[in-house]
Amino acid sequence: MIGKALFGVAVISATLCFGSDVVSFETLMQALEKSSPKLEHQRLQTKISQESLRSAEAGYLPSLSLGGTSEYSRKFNNNTTASYVGSDSLTQSTQYQNSSTLGVNYDLFRFGATALGVKAASAQIQASKAGECLALKEQLESLLETYAKVRIATIKLEHYKQIQKLYQESYIMAKRLNEAGELAQTEVITYAQYIADQFVLSAQTQEEKESMLAHLMYLADIKLDTSTSFESLHVDKIMPLTLSFEQSTKAKQAYAQIEQKSSQLKAEKTRYLPVFSLYGKYDLYGSDDDRFGHALQDVDRNGYRVGLSFSWSLFDGFAREAAVETRLLELQQAKIGLIDAKREFEKEQYLLRSQSRERETRLANAKQSEESSSKFADMMDALNKNGQKDKLSTLKSQIQYHQTMIASKEAQELLYLSQKKEILFTQKEYECVVH
């Protein structure tokens, strides 16, 4: 709860808990968008970028300063001495002194450095906002993949229970046949091994499910347990909105980073040029030889100064050259990032389309296998009742049927996952581009 307070995330004080209730993906998605620390981190990064823009825009305004000095000086003799020796000042008298200065400074001309700084800061805001969308997409992808895996693990565990019962029944039947001298002892041992293997497989799947439940709870900050049911990811197949790379969030971020680095490079080059500034100072001064209080009472207007300053750094040990070269390399990195972002976008689009096609084919084959296995199991059961097939063969056909059902349901869940991902990601991309 302390972490949430620091982030300023408004959520229910008591963490949501779903025991034996049914949870939908949409519920977890909404909870993730509200409570994800990674998303809040990226939102804060956007706010930091906005403050950087304010800092850059401050260059358009003059600076105002107020300073004051109280000093006691003592001269040991009355010999005449110079006021300054190099940059060091020498005491001229024994007295108390007080002074105040109000100063104004304004850069009149910096060859566009301020404007370039503002442009770079604005581009950083756009890149950071695009980063929010990409962070959300990354979190939703993790949530979606884990959600589908939990459903698949749940399906497997349900069928594994049935398979275990069938193996146990087969083992008992095999022992009876062995005692009757109709089946070898090795066959009995084989069935015992099948039971042990099935228990191991169930334990591994249960462990994987627990791990994935923990990840879901981490992402959405919702309490879940093994009794929680998860709704299907089934969606009505519709043609999602299609976006080109130029319209995508990745492109938006990459182009913003290029613009930022380009502006920073141009601004860095202005350090080779002079700066013209306008300044003004208004002074108050008071002094007394004996008392500090009298020096304060004596403070009065002393004068003012207004002027135009010119500064030009001719040599700084090649610091400017190094800074310009750094900005140039950063710009090259940003341009390479654009190329990589385009390739990654094209890869994602290809995978989304190809996975859907491949999983449709996989589901069709799995359904066909399930149907054939079902018919075979029914036929074996009928033959067993007629005395034409033994009970072990019937049990084997039923085990095979459950195994094909697992493959079929897993293929169905994976197809739903691909369809949901394609629609959801396109929708989120479109929302980010619009806003």
Protein backbone atom coordinates (compact mmCIF):
# COMPACT_ATOMS: atom_id res chain seq x y z
CA MET A 1 0.00 0.00 0.00
CA ILE A 2 2.96 2.34 0.63
CA GLY A 3 4.18 1.84 -2.92
CA LYS A 4 0.75 2.69 -4.28
CA ALA A 5 0.62 5.86 -2.21
CA LEU A 6 3.98 6.89 -3.60
CA PHE A 7 2.81 6.29 -7.12
CA GLY A 8 -0.47 8.04 -6.49
CA VAL A 9 -2.48 5.19 -7.95
CA ALA A 10 -6.13 5.26 -6.94
CA VAL A 11 -7.21 1.70 -6.27
CA ILE A 12 -9.43 -0.02 -3.75
CA SER A 13 -7.77 -0.05 -0.33
CA ALA A 14 -8.16 -3.79 0.04
CA THR A 15 -6.69 -5.79 -2.84
CA LEU A 16 -9.37 -7.40 -4.95
CA CYS A 17 -9.68 -11.11 -4.34
CA PHE A 18 -11.26 -13.72 -6.58
CA GLY A 19 -11.50 -17.16 -5.05
CA SER A 20 -13.95 -19.47 -6.77
CA ASP A 21 -15.41 -16.59 -8.82
CA VAL A 22 -15.13 -16.30 -12.58
CA VAL A 23 -12.62 -13.71 -13.82
CA SER A 24 -12.51 -12.26 -17.30
CA PHE A 25 -9.49 -10.99 -19.17
CA GLU A 26 -11.10 -7.54 -19.38
CA THR A 27 -11.27 -7.36 -15.57
CA LEU A 28 -7.58 -8.11 -15.25
CA MET A 29 -6.73 -5.70 -18.07
CA GLN A 30 -8.57 -2.82 -16.38
CA ALA A 31 -6.87 -3.59 -13.07
CA LEU A 32 -3.47 -3.66 -14.79
CA GLU A 33 -4.02 -0.27 -16.43
CA LYS A 34 -4.85 1.25 -13.04
CA SER A 35 -2.23 -0.33 -10.81
CA SER A 36 0.80 -1.31 -12.91
CA PRO A 37 4.00 0.23 -11.42
CA LYS A 38 5.71 0.03 -14.82
CA LEU A 39 2.94 2.02 -16.48
CA GLU A 40 2.98 4.57 -13.65
CA HIS A 41 6.76 4.80 -14.01
CA GLN A 42 6.37 5.64 -17.69
CA ARG A 43 3.63 8.19 -16.94
CA LEU A 44 5.95 9.89 -14.45
CA GLN A 45 8.63 9.92 -17.14
CA THR A 46 6.23 11.85 -19.37
CA LYS A 47 5.67 14.36 -16.56
CA ILE A 48 9.43 14.72 -16.17
CA SER A 49 9.65 15.47 -19.91
CA GLN A 50 6.94 18.11 -19.53
CA GLU A 51 8.91 19.76 -16.75
CA SER A 52 11.99 19.69 -18.98
CA LEU A 53 9.99 21.62 -21.56
CA ARG A 54 9.14 24.25 -18.96
CA SER A 55 12.82 24.49 -18.10
CA ALA A 56 13.74 24.95 -21.77
CA GLU A 57 11.05 27.62 -22.28
CA ALA A 58 12.49 29.55 -19.32
CA GLY A 59 15.27 30.61 -21.69
CA TYR A 60 12.81 32.97 -23.39
CA LEU A 61 12.42 34.96 -20.16
CA PRO A 62 14.89 37.21 -18.31
CA SER A 63 16.42 36.13 -15.03
CA LEU A 64 15.96 38.29 -11.92
CA SER A 65 18.28 38.06 -8.93
CA LEU A 66 18.56 39.73 -5.55
CA GLY A 67 21.74 39.70 -3.53
CA GLY A 68 22.93 41.22 -0.30
CA THR A 69 26.19 41.50 1.62
CA SER A 70 27.06 42.53 5.18
CA GLU A 71 30.76 42.98 5.87
CA TYR A 72 33.12 44.21 8.60
CA SER A 73 36.56 45.27 7.48
CA ARG A 74 39.56 46.40 9.52
CA LYS A 75 42.64 48.17 8.19
CA PHE A 76 45.71 47.85 10.43
CA ASN A 77 47.36 51.08 9.31
CA ASN A 78 46.53 54.21 7.42
CA ASN A 79 48.97 53.63 4.61
CA THR A 80 47.59 54.12 1.15
CA THR A 81 47.13 50.80 -0.62
CA ALA A 82 45.75 49.73 -3.95
CA SER A 83 42.12 48.62 -4.10
CA TYR A 84 42.93 45.47 -6.06
CA VAL A 85 45.95 43.32 -6.72
CA GLY A 86 45.02 41.12 -9.62
CA SER A 87 41.61 39.68 -8.79
CA ASP A 88 42.03 40.07 -5.01
CA SER A 89 40.65 43.16 -3.24
CA LEU A 90 42.44 44.87 -0.34
CA THR A 91 40.79 46.46 2.69
CA GLN A 92 40.74 50.27 2.49
CA SER A 93 39.27 51.17 5.89
CA THR A 94 37.90 49.91 9.19
CA GLN A 95 34.10 49.95 8.95
CA TYR A 96 30.82 48.09 8.72
CA GLN A 97 29.28 47.87 5.22
CA ASN A 98 25.95 46.69 3.85
CA SER A 99 24.91 46.44 0.23
CA SER A 100 22.02 45.03 -1.80
CA THR A 101 21.82 44.51 -5.54
CA LEU A 102 18.84 43.79 -7.77
CA GLY A 103 19.99 42.34 -11.06
CA VAL A 104 18.30 41.50 -14.36
CA ASN A 105 19.88 39.47 -17.15
CA TYR A 106 18.39 38.62 -20.52
CA ASP A 107 19.97 36.75 -23.41
CA LEU A 108 19.13 38.78 -26.49
CA PHE A 109 20.54 36.50 -29.14
CA ARG A 110 21.89 32.95 -29.00
CA PHE A 111 21.52 31.91 -32.64
CA GLY A 112 18.36 29.90 -32.00
CA ALA A 113 19.78 27.77 -29.16
CA THR A 114 16.76 28.39 -26.92
CA ALA A 115 14.26 27.55 -29.64
CA LEU A 116 16.17 24.36 -30.48
CA GLY A 117 16.15 23.38 -26.81
CA VAL A 118 12.38 23.87 -26.66
CA LYS A 119 11.96 21.81 -29.83
CA ALA A 120 14.05 18.99 -28.40
CA ALA A 121 12.07 19.01 -25.14
CA SER A 122 8.76 18.92 -27.06
CA ALA A 123 9.98 15.96 -29.09
CA GLN A 124 10.96 14.19 -25.87
CA ILE A 125 7.40 14.56 -24.59
CA GLN A 126 6.05 12.93 -27.75
CA ALA A 127 8.57 10.10 -27.44
CA SER A 128 7.66 9.59 -23.79
CA LYS A 129 3.92 9.49 -24.55
CA ALA A 130 4.60 6.89 -27.23
CA GLY A 131 6.62 5.04 -24.60
CA GLU A 132 3.49 4.90 -22.42
CA CYS A 133 1.63 3.14 -25.22
CA LEU A 134 4.46 0.70 -25.83
CA ALA A 135 4.75 -0.05 -22.11
CA LEU A 136 1.01 -0.74 -21.97
CA LYS A 137 1.26 -3.00 -25.01
CA GLU A 138 4.13 -4.94 -23.44
CA GLN A 139 2.23 -5.41 -20.19
CA LEU A 140 -0.98 -6.45 -21.98
CA GLU A 141 0.92 -8.95 -24.12
CA SER A 142 2.38 -10.54 -21.00
CA LEU A 143 -1.06 -10.56 -19.35
CA LEU A 144 -2.74 -12.05 -22.42
CA GLU A 145 -0.15 -14.78 -22.94
CA THR A 146 -0.22 -15.75 -19.26
CA TYR A 147 -4.01 -15.72 -19.15
CA ALA A 148 -4.18 -18.14 -22.09
CA LYS A 149 -1.55 -20.41 -20.52
CA VAL A 150 -3.53 -20.56 -17.27
CA ARG A 151 -6.65 -21.60 -19.18
CA ILE A 152 -4.70 -24.27 -21.09
CA ALA A 153 -3.15 -25.58 -17.87
CA THR A 154 -6.60 -25.75 -16.27
CA ILE A 155 -7.97 -27.72 -19.22
CA LYS A 156 -5.04 -30.13 -19.10
CA LEU A 157 -5.45 -30.74 -15.37
CA GLU A 158 -9.15 -31.52 -15.80
CA HIS A 159 -8.41 -34.17 -18.44
CA TYR A 160 -5.36 -35.46 -16.60
CA LYS A 161 -7.66 -36.41 -13.72
CA GLN A 162 -9.78 -38.48 -16.09
CA ILE A 163 -6.70 -40.05 -17.67
CA GLN A 164 -5.34 -40.98 -14.23
CA LYS A 165 -8.58 -42.72 -13.37
CA LEU A 166 -8.48 -44.63 -16.66
CA TYR A 167 -4.85 -45.67 -16.08
CA GLN A 168 -5.69 -46.81 -12.56
CA GLU A 169 -8.60 -48.83 -13.89
CA SER A 170 -6.33 -50.26 -16.57
CA TYR A 171 -3.76 -51.19 -13.93
CA ILE A 172 -6.33 -53.02 -11.85
CA MET A 173 -7.60 -54.83 -14.96
CA ALA A 174 -4.03 -55.71 -15.96
CA LYS A 175 -3.34 -57.20 -12.50
CA ARG A 176 -6.44 -59.37 -12.74
CA LEU A 177 -5.44 -60.60 -16.20
CA ASN A 178 -1.93 -61.30 -14.94
CA GLU A 179 -3.27 -63.31 -12.02
CA ALA A 180 -5.42 -65.24 -14.46
CA GLY A 181 -2.34 -65.93 -16.56
CA GLU A 182 -3.63 -63.92 -19.55
CA LEU A 183 -1.19 -61.00 -19.34
CA ALA A 184 2.54 -60.75 -18.70
CA GLN A 185 3.88 -59.11 -15.55
CA THR A 186 5.81 -56.60 -17.68
CA GLU A 187 2.49 -55.23 -18.98
CA VAL A 188 1.32 -54.70 -15.41
CA ILE A 189 4.55 -52.83 -14.61
CA THR A 190 4.06 -50.71 -17.74
CA TYR A 191 0.63 -49.57 -16.56
CA ALA A 192 2.06 -48.76 -13.14
CA GLN A 193 4.69 -46.65 -14.88
CA TYR A 194 1.96 -44.88 -16.87
CA ILE A 195 0.22 -43.93 -13.63
CA ALA A 196 3.44 -42.59 -12.12
CA ASP A 197 4.26 -40.61 -15.27
CA GLN A 198 0.78 -39.15 -15.31
CA PHE A 199 1.10 -38.02 -11.68
CA VAL A 200 4.43 -36.35 -12.49
CA LEU A 201 2.90 -34.63 -15.53
CA SER A 202 -0.03 -33.38 -13.44
CA ALA A 203 2.31 -32.08 -10.74
CA GLN A 204 4.44 -30.25 -13.31
CA THR A 205 1.37 -28.69 -14.92
CA GLN A 206 0.01 -27.66 -11.53
CA GLU A 207 3.35 -26.05 -10.67
CA GLU A 208 3.33 -24.17 -13.98
CA LYS A 209 -0.21 -22.98 -13.32
CA GLU A 210 0.74 -21.72 -9.86
CA SER A 211 3.64 -19.80 -11.36
CA MET A 212 1.42 -18.23 -14.01
CA LEU A 213 -1.22 -17.32 -11.41
CA ALA A 214 1.49 -15.54 -9.44
CA HIS A 215 2.45 -13.59 -12.57
CA LEU A 216 -1.18 -12.60 -13.18
CA MET A 217 -1.45 -11.37 -9.60
CA TYR A 218 1.77 -9.38 -10.05
CA LEU A 219 0.51 -7.75 -13.24
CA ALA A 220 -3.04 -6.94 -12.13
CA ASP A 221 -2.62 -6.73 -8.33
CA ILE A 222 -5.60 -9.05 -7.84
CA LYS A 223 -5.66 -12.05 -5.51
CA LEU A 224 -6.23 -15.32 -7.38
CA ASP A 225 -5.98 -18.99 -6.46
CA THR A 226 -6.30 -22.39 -8.09
CA SER A 227 -10.08 -22.38 -7.60
CA THR A 228 -10.51 -19.22 -9.70
CA SER A 229 -12.17 -19.78 -13.07
CA PHE A 230 -11.17 -17.78 -16.12
CA GLU A 231 -13.54 -16.86 -18.91
CA SER A 232 -12.75 -17.84 -22.47
CA LEU A 233 -10.87 -15.42 -24.70
CA HIS A 234 -13.34 -16.09 -27.49
CA VAL A 235 -14.11 -13.06 -29.61
CA ASP A 236 -16.24 -12.58 -32.68
CA LYS A 237 -13.84 -12.62 -35.57
CA ILE A 238 -13.85 -9.16 -37.14
CA MET A 239 -11.46 -7.44 -39.44
CA PRO A 240 -9.40 -5.16 -37.20
CA LEU A 241 -8.32 -1.69 -38.22
CA THR A 242 -5.02 -1.85 -40.07
CA LEU A 243 -2.28 0.67 -39.48
CA SER A 244 0.87 1.18 -41.50
CA PHE A 245 4.24 1.54 -39.79
CA GLU A 246 4.17 5.29 -40.32
CA GLN A 247 0.95 5.44 -38.28
CA SER A 248 2.17 3.15 -35.50
CA THR A 249 3.31 4.03 -32.00
CA LYS A 250 6.78 2.64 -32.68
CA ALA A 251 7.16 5.04 -35.61
CA LYS A 252 5.82 7.91 -33.54
CA GLN A 253 8.41 7.26 -30.84
CA ALA A 254 11.29 6.71 -33.28
CA TYR A 255 10.61 9.90 -35.27
CA ALA A 256 10.24 11.91 -32.05
CA GLN A 257 13.61 10.65 -30.84
CA ILE A 258 15.23 11.58 -34.16
CA GLU A 259 13.75 15.08 -33.96
CA GLN A 260 14.94 15.42 -30.37
CA LYS A 261 18.51 14.35 -31.14
CA SER A 262 18.63 16.51 -34.27
CA SER A 263 17.56 19.60 -32.30
CA GLN A 264 20.04 18.83 -29.54
CA LEU A 265 22.83 18.51 -32.12
CA LYS A 266 21.97 21.88 -33.68
CA ALA A 267 21.75 23.50 -30.25
CA GLU A 268 25.14 22.06 -29.30
CA LYS A 269 26.71 23.60 -32.40
CA THR A 270 25.59 27.07 -31.28
CA ARG A 271 28.16 26.85 -28.48
CA TYR A 272 30.73 27.78 -31.15
CA LEU A 273 28.97 31.14 -31.53
CA PRO A 274 28.90 34.22 -29.27
CA VAL A 275 26.11 35.17 -26.85
CA PHE A 276 24.66 38.66 -26.64
CA SER A 277 22.97 39.58 -23.36
CA LEU A 278 21.32 42.60 -21.80
CA TYR A 279 21.93 43.22 -18.11
CA GLY A 280 20.91 45.75 -15.46
CA LYS A 281 21.79 46.25 -11.80
CA TYR A 282 20.40 48.53 -9.11
CA ASP A 283 22.55 48.98 -5.99
CA LEU A 284 21.87 50.03 -2.39
CA TYR A 285 24.81 50.79 -0.10
CA GLY A 286 25.43 51.86 3.48
CA SER A 287 28.50 52.03 5.77
CA ASP A 288 29.66 53.18 9.23
CA ASP A 289 33.06 53.17 10.86
CA ASP A 290 31.89 52.11 14.33
CA ARG A 291 28.50 50.38 14.45
CA PHE A 292 26.76 47.73 12.37
CA GLY A 293 23.30 49.16 13.17
CA HIS A 294 24.27 52.56 11.84
CA ALA A 295 25.52 50.92 8.67
CA LEU A 296 22.08 49.41 8.20
CA GLN A 297 20.36 52.73 8.81
CA ASP A 298 22.68 54.40 6.33
CA VAL A 299 21.67 52.09 3.47
CA ASP A 300 20.50 54.22 0.55
CA ARG A 301 20.36 54.19 -3.19
CA ASN A 302 23.81 53.98 -4.65
CA GLY A 303 23.15 53.80 -8.39
CA TYR A 304 22.29 51.57 -11.27
CA ARG A 305 23.94 50.04 -14.29
CA VAL A 306 22.53 48.97 -17.64
CA GLY A 307 24.59 47.37 -20.34
CA LEU A 308 24.99 44.98 -23.22
CA SER A 309 27.39 42.09 -22.75
CA PHE A 310 29.10 39.95 -25.33
CA SER A 311 30.77 36.62 -24.58
CA TRP A 312 32.46 34.19 -26.90
CA SER A 313 34.37 31.15 -25.73
CA LEU A 314 37.25 30.73 -28.15
CA PHE A 315 38.77 27.59 -26.65
CA ASP A 316 37.50 25.23 -23.95
CA GLY A 317 39.86 22.29 -24.25
CA PHE A 318 37.81 20.66 -27.06
CA ALA A 319 34.82 20.15 -24.75
CA ARG A 320 32.45 21.54 -27.40
CA GLU A 321 33.84 19.23 -30.06
CA ALA A 322 33.30 16.22 -27.81
CA ALA A 323 29.74 17.36 -26.97
CA VAL A 324 28.87 17.86 -30.65
CA GLU A 325 30.31 14.47 -31.58
CA THR A 326 28.29 12.85 -28.78
CA ARG A 327 25.07 14.43 -30.06
CA LEU A 328 25.92 13.29 -33.58
CA LEU A 329 26.38 9.70 -32.44
CA GLU A 330 23.09 9.87 -30.51
CA LEU A 331 21.35 11.07 -33.68
CA GLN A 332 22.82 8.12 -35.59
CA GLN A 333 21.55 5.80 -32.85
CA ALA A 334 18.06 7.28 -33.19
CA LYS A 335 18.08 6.76 -36.97
CA ILE A 336 19.17 3.15 -36.52
CA GLY A 337 16.41 2.82 -33.94
CA LEU A 338 13.90 3.87 -36.60
CA ILE A 339 15.11 1.11 -38.93
CA ASP A 340 14.93 -1.45 -36.13
CA ALA A 341 11.46 -0.26 -35.09
CA LYS A 342 10.18 -0.70 -38.64
CA ARG A 343 11.59 -4.22 -38.89
CA GLU A 344 10.15 -5.13 -35.49
CA PHE A 345 6.74 -3.74 -36.47
CA GLU A 346 6.73 -5.72 -39.71
CA LYS A 347 7.78 -8.86 -37.83
CA GLU A 348 4.97 -8.42 -35.30
CA GLN A 349 2.40 -7.89 -38.03
CA TYR A 350 3.62 -10.94 -39.91
CA LEU A 351 3.53 -13.11 -36.78
CA LEU A 352 0.03 -11.95 -35.87
CA ARG A 353 -1.29 -12.88 -39.30
CA SER A 354 0.70 -16.10 -39.75
CA GLN A 355 -0.06 -17.41 -36.25
CA SER A 356 -3.77 -16.98 -36.80
CA ARG A 357 -3.61 -18.91 -40.08
CA GLU A 358 -1.42 -21.66 -38.67
CA ARG A 359 -3.50 -22.05 -35.53
CA GLU A 360 -6.70 -22.26 -37.59
CA THR A 361 -5.11 -25.15 -39.51
CA ARG A 362 -3.87 -26.73 -36.28
CA LEU A 363 -7.35 -26.50 -34.75
CA ALA A 364 -8.97 -28.04 -37.81
CA ASN A 365 -6.56 -30.99 -37.70
CA ALA A 366 -6.99 -31.37 -33.94
CA LYS A 367 -10.79 -31.34 -34.26
CA GLN A 368 -10.60 -33.99 -36.95
CA SER A 369 -8.33 -36.10 -34.75
CA GLU A 370 -10.68 -35.64 -31.79
CA GLU A 371 -13.69 -36.68 -33.86
CA SER A 372 -11.91 -39.78 -35.14
CA SER A 373 -10.74 -40.67 -31.65
CA SER A 374 -14.27 -40.25 -30.30
CA LYS A 375 -15.70 -42.54 -32.94
CA PHE A 376 -12.97 -45.08 -32.30
CA ALA A 377 -13.60 -44.99 -28.52
CA ASP A 378 -17.35 -45.48 -29.08
CA MET A 379 -16.68 -48.37 -31.42
CA MET A 380 -14.29 -50.03 -28.97
CA ASP A 381 -16.82 -49.64 -26.17
CA ALA A 382 -19.54 -51.23 -28.31
CA LEU A 383 -17.25 -54.12 -29.28
CA ASN A 384 -16.32 -54.63 -25.64
CA LYS A 385 -19.98 -54.85 -24.65
CA ASN A 386 -20.50 -57.43 -27.39
CA GLY A 387 -17.52 -59.41 -26.12
CA GLN A 388 -15.44 -58.79 -29.23
CA LYS A 389 -12.82 -56.55 -27.58
CA ASP A 390 -11.18 -56.67 -24.16
CA LYS A 391 -11.64 -53.98 -21.53
CA LEU A 392 -8.00 -52.84 -21.70
CA SER A 393 -8.35 -51.91 -25.38
CA THR A 394 -11.47 -49.93 -24.55
CA LEU A 395 -9.67 -48.04 -21.79
CA LYS A 396 -6.75 -47.32 -24.10
CA SER A 397 -9.11 -45.80 -26.67
CA GLN A 398 -10.69 -43.62 -23.99
CA ILE A 399 -7.26 -42.39 -22.85
CA GLN A 400 -6.38 -41.58 -26.44
CA TYR A 401 -9.66 -39.70 -26.78
CA HIS A 402 -8.85 -37.51 -23.76
CA GLN A 403 -5.40 -36.82 -25.17
CA THR A 404 -6.85 -35.69 -28.49
CA MET A 405 -9.36 -33.54 -26.61
CA ILE A 406 -6.47 -31.83 -24.80
CA ALA A 407 -4.76 -31.12 -28.12
CA SER A 408 -8.00 -29.85 -29.63
CA LYS A 409 -8.87 -27.53 -26.74
CA GLU A 410 -5.31 -26.25 -26.53
CA ALA A 411 -5.40 -25.44 -30.26
CA GLN A 412 -8.72 -23.65 -29.72
CA GLU A 413 -7.31 -21.55 -26.87
CA LEU A 414 -4.24 -20.65 -28.90
CA LEU A 415 -6.42 -19.54 -31.80
CA TYR A 416 -8.51 -17.39 -29.45
CA LEU A 417 -5.24 -15.94 -28.13
CA SER A 418 -4.07 -14.97 -31.61
CA GLN A 419 -7.41 -13.44 -32.53
CA LYS A 420 -7.64 -11.51 -29.26
CA LYS A 421 -4.09 -10.27 -29.59
CA GLU A 422 -4.62 -9.11 -33.17
CA ILE A 423 -7.79 -7.17 -32.35
CA LEU A 424 -6.65 -5.82 -28.99
CA PHE A 425 -3.23 -4.65 -30.15
CA THR A 426 -4.61 -2.96 -33.25
CA GLN A 427 -7.24 -1.22 -31.13
CA LYS A 428 -4.64 -0.01 -28.62
CA GLU A 429 -2.35 1.16 -31.43
CA TYR A 430 -5.19 3.13 -32.95
CA GLU A 431 -6.11 4.72 -29.60
CA CYS A 432 -2.50 5.77 -29.03
CA VAL A 433 -2.14 7.27 -32.50
CA VAL A 434 -5.40 9.19 -32.17
CA HIS A 435 -4.62 10.55 -28.70
